[in-house]
Amino acid sequence: MDAVRGITIGPIENALHPNAGYGSRPYDRTLRECSQMGATWVALTPFGRVMNLEGRGVDPTFEAPFEENKKSIARAVAMAHARGLRVMLVPHLWVESGEWRALIDPKTDAGWEAWAKSYADFVLAWARVAEESHVDLFSVGVELRSWVTTPRAPSFLDVVRQIRAIYTGPLTYSANWDDVDDTVILGEIDVIGVNAFYPLADKDGAPLAELLKGGERVRDKLRTLAVAWQKPVVFTEIGYTTRPNPAVHPWEWPDAMKGVTVDQVAQAEAYHALIAPMRDEPWFLGFFVWRVYADPEDVSQEAEWGFSPRGKLSELVMRDAFASRFAHDRTTAIPGFPPAAREPGFFP
């Protein structure tokens, strides 16, 4: 199986834009653009809503009724498959308070038990959609640091095992880049997933050569992780915003900054510096770019200095990366790595 060359397609996160989300005609145009760019995979991110970090439960409704969203995702998966694209499904959490989902903490044992049940209900519903739609890869969670890196992790393992009973394809988990080493559930999944917003330099104005050294440090660190777990690694998200020095603090969203300017060269160099050192590593399964949107014409979802590479210099970097050879393209077997759950030869 060739390496993953993927793009995340985000939903239209505004109920004021009907008929433009997953499974719509505009979404089909986005699929066509992804294919033309050279992508072989897309990731879809249906959201559930969490009010704050108290973790009182997941509301599966996001912008549209849950039953409607499930049908839209099933239609979106079928449309991607019809275009020859594989699909990773990533049930995601939207925290209404604007805080980071990694810090959800119900505090008490009873609170955690209720949270685990609510999250399980949410993610298992999407696992059923994934199985019925023949999704190619399923992420069991996204950036749940307070759960999967702590003594609370056994209750998350229970959720993963419930997912296994429903979905027969391969599983990943989308760990944040700075806590994947501490994620104790990696033995229960097939592929180590990393939301790879790695800083590649520690000061502004770093030249490309320095950024590439940063990418090499990321490669070396992840090689150690892959060997330790004997599992391949996929970047479930990579992204750099279109502003000066995005590789210093990639996770910072410029909304809170003053005087933001657009810098396409800086974004393109950051993408190149992260991807280039990974291509010769047989344990590196590939990556998903964060992100474009279900309606390619709707620019209201993100400012010009946002993450999307569409129509920017970084799109050329993505096209080159998608067209290049990866070591994993030539890999047929690596001793100790798990077999595919759905398709022989998918994973080494």
Protein backbone atom coordinates (compact mmCIF):
# COMPACT_ATOMS: atom_id res chain seq x y z
CA MET A 1 0.00 0.00 0.00
CA ASP A 2 1.31 3.44 -0.91
CA ALA A 3 1.93 6.11 1.72
CA VAL A 4 -0.94 8.31 2.85
CA ARG A 5 -1.13 11.58 0.93
CA GLY A 6 -4.05 13.24 2.60
CA ILE A 7 -5.99 16.47 3.07
CA THR A 8 -8.47 17.17 5.84
CA ILE A 9 -11.75 18.58 4.59
CA GLY A 10 -13.42 20.60 7.31
CA PRO A 11 -17.16 20.98 7.67
CA ILE A 12 -18.81 24.33 7.00
CA GLU A 13 -18.91 25.51 10.61
CA ASN A 14 -21.86 27.82 10.25
CA ALA A 15 -25.53 26.86 10.03
CA LEU A 16 -26.10 29.99 7.94
CA HIS A 17 -24.47 28.19 4.98
CA PRO A 18 -26.89 25.33 4.13
CA ASN A 19 -26.26 22.79 1.38
CA ALA A 20 -22.53 23.47 1.35
CA GLY A 21 -21.19 20.95 3.86
CA TYR A 22 -20.23 17.30 3.73
CA GLY A 23 -21.92 15.35 0.95
CA SER A 24 -22.99 18.45 -0.97
CA ARG A 25 -22.24 19.53 -4.54
CA PRO A 26 -19.64 22.08 -3.31
CA TYR A 27 -18.00 19.27 -1.32
CA ASP A 28 -17.68 17.26 -4.53
CA ARG A 29 -15.76 20.16 -6.06
CA THR A 30 -13.41 20.08 -3.07
CA LEU A 31 -12.89 16.36 -3.62
CA ARG A 32 -12.02 17.07 -7.23
CA GLU A 33 -9.52 19.73 -6.18
CA CYS A 34 -7.91 17.33 -3.68
CA SER A 35 -7.53 14.69 -6.38
CA GLN A 36 -6.10 17.20 -8.82
CA MET A 37 -3.57 18.26 -6.18
CA GLY A 38 -2.45 14.64 -5.95
CA ALA A 39 -4.08 13.59 -2.69
CA THR A 40 -5.04 9.93 -2.33
CA TRP A 41 -6.81 10.30 1.03
CA VAL A 42 -9.16 12.76 2.71
CA ALA A 43 -10.00 13.11 6.40
CA LEU A 44 -13.48 14.11 7.57
CA THR A 45 -14.04 15.66 11.00
CA PRO A 46 -17.63 15.50 12.31
CA PHE A 47 -17.82 17.45 15.56
CA GLY A 48 -19.60 16.95 18.85
CA ARG A 49 -20.15 19.89 21.17
CA VAL A 50 -18.74 20.18 24.71
CA MET A 51 -19.74 23.24 26.68
CA ASN A 52 -16.56 23.67 28.74
CA LEU A 53 -13.72 21.79 30.39
CA GLU A 54 -15.90 20.31 33.14
CA GLY A 55 -16.61 17.36 30.84
CA ARG A 56 -20.30 17.00 31.58
CA GLY A 57 -20.98 15.27 28.28
CA VAL A 58 -20.87 15.43 24.50
CA ASP A 59 -23.79 16.86 22.53
CA PRO A 60 -23.59 15.02 19.18
CA THR A 61 -25.49 17.78 17.38
CA PHE A 62 -23.25 20.25 15.59
CA GLU A 63 -24.85 22.94 13.38
CA ALA A 64 -27.32 20.35 12.02
CA PRO A 65 -29.27 17.53 13.73
CA PHE A 66 -27.12 14.51 14.51
CA GLU A 67 -29.12 12.11 12.34
CA GLU A 68 -28.74 14.51 9.43
CA ASN A 69 -25.00 14.81 10.05
CA LYS A 70 -24.60 11.02 10.03
CA LYS A 71 -26.31 10.78 6.66
CA SER A 72 -24.16 13.61 5.31
CA ILE A 73 -20.97 11.88 6.42
CA ALA A 74 -22.04 8.57 4.91
CA ARG A 75 -22.78 10.36 1.64
CA ALA A 76 -19.43 12.20 1.84
CA VAL A 77 -17.52 8.94 2.33
CA ALA A 78 -19.27 7.34 -0.64
CA MET A 79 -18.48 10.36 -2.82
CA ALA A 80 -14.80 10.23 -1.86
CA HIS A 81 -14.61 6.51 -2.58
CA ALA A 82 -16.28 7.10 -5.95
CA ARG A 83 -13.39 9.43 -6.81
CA GLY A 84 -10.83 6.82 -5.76
CA LEU A 85 -9.97 8.55 -2.48
CA ARG A 86 -9.58 6.69 0.80
CA VAL A 87 -11.14 8.17 3.93
CA MET A 88 -10.05 8.67 7.54
CA LEU A 89 -12.97 9.53 9.83
CA VAL A 90 -12.05 11.67 12.85
CA PRO A 91 -14.85 12.34 15.37
CA HIS A 92 -13.80 15.65 16.90
CA LEU A 93 -14.78 17.75 19.94
CA TRP A 94 -15.70 21.43 19.75
CA VAL A 95 -15.37 23.13 23.16
CA GLU A 96 -17.89 25.96 23.23
CA SER A 97 -15.94 27.96 25.83
CA GLY A 98 -13.00 28.20 23.42
CA GLU A 99 -10.69 26.21 25.68
CA TRP A 100 -8.55 23.26 24.59
CA ARG A 101 -10.15 19.80 24.63
CA ALA A 102 -6.90 18.31 25.96
CA LEU A 103 -7.64 19.87 29.36
CA ILE A 104 -11.12 18.42 29.92
CA ASP A 105 -11.30 17.28 33.54
CA PRO A 106 -14.52 16.15 35.26
CA LYS A 107 -12.50 16.05 38.54
CA THR A 108 -14.27 13.23 40.40
CA ASP A 109 -14.47 9.48 39.78
CA ALA A 110 -18.20 9.79 39.19
CA GLY A 111 -17.63 12.69 36.82
CA TRP A 112 -15.07 10.75 34.81
CA GLU A 113 -17.35 7.72 34.64
CA ALA A 114 -20.17 9.87 33.25
CA TRP A 115 -17.80 11.59 30.81
CA ALA A 116 -16.44 8.26 29.53
CA LYS A 117 -19.98 6.97 28.91
CA SER A 118 -21.03 10.13 27.09
CA TYR A 119 -17.90 10.16 24.93
CA ALA A 120 -18.34 6.46 24.18
CA ASP A 121 -21.92 7.05 23.02
CA PHE A 122 -20.65 9.79 20.70
CA VAL A 123 -17.68 7.98 19.19
CA LEU A 124 -19.43 4.60 18.89
CA ALA A 125 -22.19 6.21 16.86
CA TRP A 126 -19.53 7.39 14.41
CA ALA A 127 -17.82 3.98 14.50
CA ARG A 128 -21.08 2.46 13.25
CA VAL A 129 -21.17 4.97 10.41
CA ALA A 130 -17.53 4.15 9.66
CA GLU A 131 -18.21 0.42 9.49
CA GLU A 132 -21.34 0.77 7.37
CA SER A 133 -19.57 3.20 5.00
CA HIS A 134 -16.35 1.13 4.77
CA VAL A 135 -14.20 3.96 6.10
CA ASP A 136 -10.51 3.13 5.60
CA LEU A 137 -9.09 4.46 8.90
CA PHE A 138 -10.83 5.61 12.09
CA SER A 139 -9.44 7.92 14.77
CA VAL A 140 -10.71 7.00 18.23
CA GLY A 141 -10.04 10.47 19.67
CA VAL A 142 -8.30 13.80 19.22
CA GLU A 143 -5.97 15.48 21.72
CA LEU A 144 -7.45 13.96 24.87
CA ARG A 145 -4.34 14.48 27.00
CA SER A 146 -6.06 14.60 30.39
CA TRP A 147 -7.49 11.16 29.67
CA VAL A 148 -4.94 9.10 27.73
CA THR A 149 -1.73 10.24 29.45
CA THR A 150 -3.00 9.83 33.02
CA PRO A 151 -4.22 7.11 35.41
CA ARG A 152 -7.66 7.69 33.82
CA ALA A 153 -6.45 5.97 30.62
CA PRO A 154 -7.92 2.50 31.38
CA SER A 155 -11.44 3.87 30.89
CA PHE A 156 -10.38 5.11 27.44
CA LEU A 157 -9.03 1.65 26.62
CA ASP A 158 -12.52 0.34 27.36
CA VAL A 159 -13.87 2.77 24.74
CA VAL A 160 -11.30 1.58 22.18
CA ARG A 161 -12.31 -2.04 22.75
CA GLN A 162 -15.96 -1.14 22.28
CA ILE A 163 -15.03 0.53 18.99
CA ARG A 164 -13.19 -2.66 17.91
CA ALA A 165 -16.42 -4.60 18.45
CA ILE A 166 -18.17 -2.35 15.91
CA TYR A 167 -15.58 -1.15 13.41
CA THR A 168 -13.41 -3.79 11.74
CA GLY A 169 -10.97 -1.43 10.02
CA PRO A 170 -7.66 -0.09 11.38
CA LEU A 171 -7.60 2.40 14.26
CA THR A 172 -5.47 5.40 15.09
CA TYR A 173 -5.57 8.06 17.80
CA SER A 174 -4.72 11.72 17.06
CA ALA A 175 -2.26 12.60 19.83
CA ASN A 176 -0.95 16.11 20.24
CA TRP A 177 2.68 16.45 19.14
CA ASP A 178 3.96 17.23 22.64
CA ASP A 179 2.24 14.39 24.51
CA VAL A 180 2.38 11.42 22.13
CA ASP A 181 5.35 9.99 24.07
CA ASP A 182 3.19 9.95 27.21
CA THR A 183 0.12 8.45 25.55
CA VAL A 184 -0.32 5.06 27.19
CA ILE A 185 -3.02 3.67 24.88
CA LEU A 186 -0.79 3.25 21.81
CA GLY A 187 -0.63 -0.51 22.29
CA GLU A 188 -4.38 -0.75 21.56
CA ILE A 189 -4.32 0.99 18.16
CA ASP A 190 -2.86 0.04 14.80
CA VAL A 191 -1.21 3.30 13.77
CA ILE A 192 0.32 6.01 15.95
CA GLY A 193 -1.38 9.26 14.95
CA VAL A 194 0.17 12.65 15.66
CA ASN A 195 -1.32 16.10 15.25
CA ALA A 196 2.06 17.36 14.15
CA PHE A 197 2.11 21.07 14.88
CA TYR A 198 5.78 20.85 15.74
CA PRO A 199 7.85 24.00 16.26
CA LEU A 200 10.80 23.82 13.89
CA ALA A 201 12.71 26.83 15.25
CA ASP A 202 12.90 28.69 18.55
CA LYS A 203 13.28 32.22 17.19
CA ASP A 204 11.88 34.40 14.44
CA GLY A 205 13.66 34.74 11.12
CA ALA A 206 15.01 31.19 10.99
CA PRO A 207 16.24 30.32 7.47
CA LEU A 208 15.02 27.22 5.62
CA ALA A 209 18.19 25.32 6.53
CA GLU A 210 17.41 25.76 10.23
CA LEU A 211 13.78 24.74 9.72
CA LEU A 212 14.96 21.58 7.97
CA LYS A 213 17.14 20.75 10.98
CA GLY A 214 14.00 21.13 13.09
CA GLY A 215 12.22 18.67 10.80
CA GLU A 216 15.10 16.23 11.20
CA ARG A 217 14.78 16.44 14.98
CA VAL A 218 11.08 15.57 14.65
CA ARG A 219 11.98 12.62 12.41
CA ASP A 220 14.56 11.27 14.86
CA LYS A 221 12.18 11.57 17.81
CA LEU A 222 9.38 9.78 16.00
CA ARG A 223 11.68 7.06 14.69
CA THR A 224 12.41 6.17 18.32
CA LEU A 225 8.68 6.07 19.07
CA ALA A 226 7.87 3.90 16.05
CA VAL A 227 10.62 1.41 16.90
CA ALA A 228 9.61 1.28 20.56
CA TRP A 229 5.98 0.46 19.75
CA GLN A 230 6.69 -1.40 16.49
CA LYS A 231 3.94 0.58 14.80
CA PRO A 232 3.86 2.97 11.84
CA VAL A 233 3.27 6.70 12.39
CA VAL A 234 0.87 8.94 10.48
CA PHE A 235 0.54 12.70 10.83
CA THR A 236 -3.21 12.96 11.41
CA GLU A 237 -2.80 16.73 11.06
CA ILE A 238 -0.01 18.98 9.83
CA GLY A 239 -0.48 22.70 9.52
CA TYR A 240 1.24 26.06 9.49
CA THR A 241 -0.54 29.37 9.13
CA THR A 242 0.17 31.87 6.34
CA ARG A 243 2.03 34.43 8.42
CA PRO A 244 5.61 35.31 9.31
CA ASN A 245 7.44 32.69 11.40
CA PRO A 246 4.60 30.14 11.64
CA ALA A 247 7.06 27.36 12.53
CA VAL A 248 8.00 28.95 15.89
CA HIS A 249 4.58 28.53 17.55
CA PRO A 250 2.46 26.71 14.93
CA TRP A 251 -0.51 26.26 17.27
CA GLU A 252 -1.04 30.00 17.76
CA TRP A 253 -4.06 31.25 15.87
CA PRO A 254 -3.46 34.82 14.66
CA ASP A 255 -6.93 36.08 15.64
CA ALA A 256 -5.45 37.29 18.91
CA MET A 257 -2.47 38.94 17.22
CA LYS A 258 -2.20 42.51 16.02
CA GLY A 259 -0.96 43.59 12.62
CA VAL A 260 -0.98 40.09 11.08
CA THR A 261 0.48 40.02 7.59
CA VAL A 262 0.22 37.28 5.01
CA ASP A 263 3.47 35.41 4.33
CA GLN A 264 3.05 32.59 1.83
CA VAL A 265 6.78 31.86 1.63
CA ALA A 266 7.05 31.28 5.39
CA GLN A 267 4.11 28.86 5.33
CA ALA A 268 5.48 26.96 2.33
CA GLU A 269 8.95 26.63 3.86
CA ALA A 270 7.51 25.28 7.11
CA TYR A 271 5.48 22.61 5.31
CA HIS A 272 8.51 21.59 3.26
CA ALA A 273 10.82 21.45 6.29
CA LEU A 274 8.50 19.11 8.20
CA ILE A 275 7.66 16.74 5.33
CA ALA A 276 11.00 16.43 3.52
CA PRO A 277 12.94 14.55 6.25
CA MET A 278 10.12 12.02 6.66
CA ARG A 279 10.02 10.68 3.12
CA ASP A 280 12.89 8.19 3.50
CA GLU A 281 11.48 6.58 6.65
CA PRO A 282 9.68 3.24 6.04
CA TRP A 283 7.78 3.55 9.34
CA PHE A 284 6.27 6.87 8.26
CA LEU A 285 2.83 6.13 6.84
CA GLY A 286 2.11 9.65 5.56
CA PHE A 287 0.20 12.81 6.49
CA PHE A 288 -3.02 14.81 6.32
CA VAL A 289 -2.83 18.55 5.64
CA TRP A 290 -4.98 20.75 7.92
CA ARG A 291 -7.16 21.87 6.11
CA VAL A 292 -9.47 22.91 3.25
CA TYR A 293 -13.24 23.22 3.51
CA ALA A 294 -16.29 21.41 2.18
CA ASP A 295 -17.20 24.41 0.04
CA PRO A 296 -14.10 25.56 -1.86
CA GLU A 297 -15.70 28.92 -2.65
CA ASP A 298 -16.62 29.82 0.94
CA VAL A 299 -13.79 31.98 2.25
CA SER A 300 -15.71 32.94 5.38
CA GLN A 301 -14.41 29.91 7.30
CA GLU A 302 -10.83 31.12 7.57
CA ALA A 303 -8.87 34.32 7.04
CA GLU A 304 -6.24 34.58 4.30
CA TRP A 305 -3.52 34.05 6.88
CA GLY A 306 -5.07 30.77 8.04
CA PHE A 307 -3.92 27.17 7.67
CA SER A 308 -5.37 26.32 4.27
CA PRO A 309 -2.78 25.83 1.51
CA ARG A 310 -5.39 26.27 -1.22
CA GLY A 311 -4.23 28.68 -3.94
CA LYS A 312 -1.01 29.53 -2.07
CA LEU A 313 2.66 28.69 -2.50
CA SER A 314 2.20 25.91 0.04
CA GLU A 315 -0.19 24.21 -2.38
CA LEU A 316 2.79 23.79 -4.71
CA VAL A 317 4.72 22.22 -1.83
CA MET A 318 1.82 19.84 -1.23
CA ARG A 319 1.63 18.93 -4.92
CA ASP A 320 5.35 18.17 -4.98
CA ALA A 321 5.10 16.10 -1.79
CA PHE A 322 2.12 14.14 -3.08
CA ALA A 323 3.96 13.44 -6.34
CA SER A 324 7.21 12.34 -4.69
CA ARG A 325 8.15 8.83 -3.60
CA PHE A 326 8.03 7.86 0.07
CA ALA A 327 9.96 4.97 1.58
CA HIS A 328 6.65 3.47 2.67
CA ASP A 329 5.65 3.19 -1.01
CA ARG A 330 8.35 0.53 -1.32
CA THR A 331 7.65 -1.21 1.97
CA THR A 332 5.92 -4.58 1.94
CA ALA A 333 6.76 -5.82 5.43
CA ILE A 334 8.43 -4.65 8.62
CA PRO A 335 8.83 -7.34 11.28
CA GLY A 336 6.53 -6.81 14.24
CA PHE A 337 4.24 -4.27 12.63
CA PRO A 338 0.52 -5.21 12.75
CA PRO A 339 -1.34 -6.41 9.66
CA ALA A 340 -4.29 -4.52 8.22
CA ALA A 341 -7.66 -5.20 9.75
CA ARG A 342 -9.55 -4.61 6.52
CA GLU A 343 -7.14 -4.97 3.58
CA PRO A 344 -4.03 -7.20 3.35
CA GLY A 345 -0.91 -5.17 2.80
CA PHE A 346 -2.41 -1.87 3.93
CA PHE A 347 -0.12 -1.66 6.92
CA PRO A 348 3.33 -3.27 6.96
